[in-house]
Amino acid sequence: MRFHLNSVLVSLLCTFSYCLTANAESSDLPAEKSSPMLAVVEQGEPAVIEADRLEGKKGKQLEATGNAHLSKGDQTIRADKLLYFQDTQDIHAQGSVQVRKGGQLISADWMRYIELTRDIDAQGSVELEEAGSKMAGPYLRLNMDTNIGTMDQPTFFLGENDARGSAQVLHIHDKQHFTLDKASYTTCPAGNQDWVLRVDELGIDKSRQVGTAHHAWIEFKGVPILYSPWMDFPLNDQRKSGFLSPIFGGTVNGGSELTLPYYWNITANHDATIAPRYMLKRGLMLNNEFRYMEPNYIGEVHVDSLFHDELTNDRRSLFSLKHSHNINARLSGQINFNRVSDDNYFRDLANEVNATSQANLLREGVLNYNRGWWEMNARAQLYQTLQDPAAPIVAPYKRLPEVKINAQKIKYGANLDFEGEFVDFSHSSLPNGRRLVLNPGISYPLLSSDAYYVTPKIALHSTQYVMGLNNTSALVNSSRTLPILSVDSGLVLEREWKRFGKEYVQTLEPRAFYVYIPYRNQNLIPNFDSAPADFNFTQIFAENRFSGSDRVGDANQVTLAMTSRLLEQGNGQERLRVMLGERFSFTAPQVNLTAPATTLNKSDILLAASGRVTNSWSLDSEIQFDPNQSHTQRYNFSAKYRPEAGKALNLGYRFLRSTLRQVDISTQWPLSNRWHGVGRWNYSLQEGQILEAMAGFEYNQSCWALRLVAQRFTTATQQSNVGFFVQLELNDMVKMGSDPLSMLRQSVPGYVKLNDKTSVNP
């Protein structure tokens, strides 16, 4: 706090203004009309006083009038009028008083500063500001050294979340610790008291960013809705142990339910959530989540248990472990293990569509080794299959183990690549066996630029099989080696195009892809993981028309495609993309999994169009047309309308001949100034049933939101469940009820949380 004026600085100040060094021997100062004026007082710690007018009396006082400014150490005082008493070093300030020390600002109508004790007495519209927060009241007494003081009848404003409040008395213990008696708190704007947190005693610890409340209750619309004799809470986004908001809800399968989660912040890198969930029809369920994060590994564990299901008289449980570990710079591993007690676990106990649709729960361990240009991973993989009695499925093969090697390197302009795989397939009822795949390849770009390219490639696909148990078809050990030749080529043409007052760049991108693979009879080769690949714009440029490695389709074919894009010239944004493609075979393909060898030389025609038609409308569509039978095989259509945040309309239709016809409509739309509607209707025309139906309302006030949502979703064949969500959210305070937000984001693409400022006003 010591402050020494450099003599050179004092000389310069004296040159440009009236300079006086006041001490015990000084004489009276005459009133001076010129401005600005400056005095340096050197009794004790030096102080610099500036004002429009200075008047002094020998050894007694110094009076500064008009834009008066006193600086002493890291403290400054501004006022319309300052009286400095030399004998006591007290300061009286009057009119628009402001005191600054460090990052703290105090303003008042009148203030007395006692130099010996460093106390401040401030009266009349007193305000105390620091770090974006402000306290205001009629009276403040504060020690500037210890920062200990009190303020009567304070009102406070917090800049972080626009919160405000009041209290009877504010006790300032230091810059980091405060106590408020009979306090109230809300994030509602001035003049709005829709909800208020009332506290008998509220302690603020800014060093730990923790608040502690004694005898706290929340009033909503003047009605107490939540009480706690004691609670502590974080003042920012940091994690803090304690009870979270209770969750109220219910489903048809489980009845009304209540969940009371407790969050345990174990350490900075470890936490847990313990959530007892009581379902009226089924009983008490305990949901537990544990998360951990260290420099070299991260993971989470879920352990849920329904000790006694009153409907089934069984114990129901879930265990899930996900762990990722970086052993060193090259070696890493993952574990993903999931288990439930019975096939109906998710159908009975889950309250979200994505959970009830799970059929195969993954259990695998993976070890990865990376050397830059080549990598290897070893995997042990199996599944728990949850059967629906009305629609049973075949369980996947176990891979115990699976080892893959991938390598890629550029040498003398050529791209050398290699794919290798060894898998031991095991199954309780299907044929077992081991498979080795070796697939080296080399490609060389004959032409390569931004406007055109021609890249030939040659590869060798070699596969060997050793059969094992359950070989009921008496398949023999076998091998297959096939050369694969391909040539990929393309061209990019551009032109400038001006339409509707805007400048665009239109592209025309023809592409030709040729593949030759000789025919081999593969009927006596087992099929562990192959299936016809989905026919789309990615697959028509693939060498093999089957997924997996057990079938390699013969080919003497060329794929021709054309893509045209419309790009905004200023920012390159893609406004429209149109694609057309078809595959032509010079010889009819013979390898087939599901039907006799075909004699067709033309594939289906693919046509796709997508883009952002306007700033609000975007479209996405794809059609697969069969020219051999002159009918549409498949088409998907979706349109999205997003005029502004809080307005979303999604329209979709999916068609697959003889298999699938689905309509999907979802929306979030304003109904009035405060009310919004949300809904989704996903209906299968093929099966004549609703896959998912959801409807609800949201009311968004300036400092709170109410959500009322009902959802019906299919859990299994001819089975469905209905869930109800009622949630009251008090902004930046608490959420009460069942939370529908994750379901709304999943069911309504483009959904926006209306009271989230970052989402509505990004």
Foldseek 3Di string as FASTA:
>chain_A
DADDDDPVVLVVLVVVAPEDEADQPDAWDDKDQADWHWYWYPDPHIKIKTANIWTGHHQFKIKHAHQIWMDTDQKIKTARIWIQTNVQRKIKGAHFIWMDHDQKIKTAHIWIAGVVQQKIWGAHFIWIDGDQKIKTAGIKIARPPFRWIKGAFIKMAHRPQRKIKTAGMWTGRHPFKIKGAFMKIANDDPPDPQKIKTARMWMGGNVQQKIKGAFIFMAGNNRTDDTDRIDMDGNDPDDDWAKAFKAWWAKPLQATKIKIKTKACPDPFKIKIWIWMQGPQFGIKIWIKIWGDDPFKTKMWIWIWRCAGNVVRDIKIKIWIWMKGHPDPFKIKIWTDIDIDALCRCVRPPDFDVSLPDFWRKGKMKMKGDDDQKIKMKMWIATDGRADVVDGDDGAWTWPMKMWMWGWDADPQKIKIKIWMWTFTDDPAAWTKIKIWIKIKMKHWPDDDPFKTKIKMKMKIKMWMPTDPNPPVPQHTDMDIKIKIKMKMKGKDWDWDDDPNFIKIKIKMKIKMFMAIADDDLPSFDDRDKDQDDDDPVQVNDRARIPDRSDRWGAGKMKIKMKMWIAGPPPRFTAKIKMKMWMFGPAQIQDDDPDGGDRDGIAWIKIWMWGNPDPFKTKTKMWTADPVVGGTAWMKIKMWGDPAQQWIWIWIWTDGPPPWTKTKIWIWAAPDPFKIKTWMWIATPNVGGTAKTKIWMKGDDQFKIWIWMKMWHASHVVDIMIMIWTWIGGHPPHIHYHDCVVVRCVRGPSHFDVNPCVRRPD
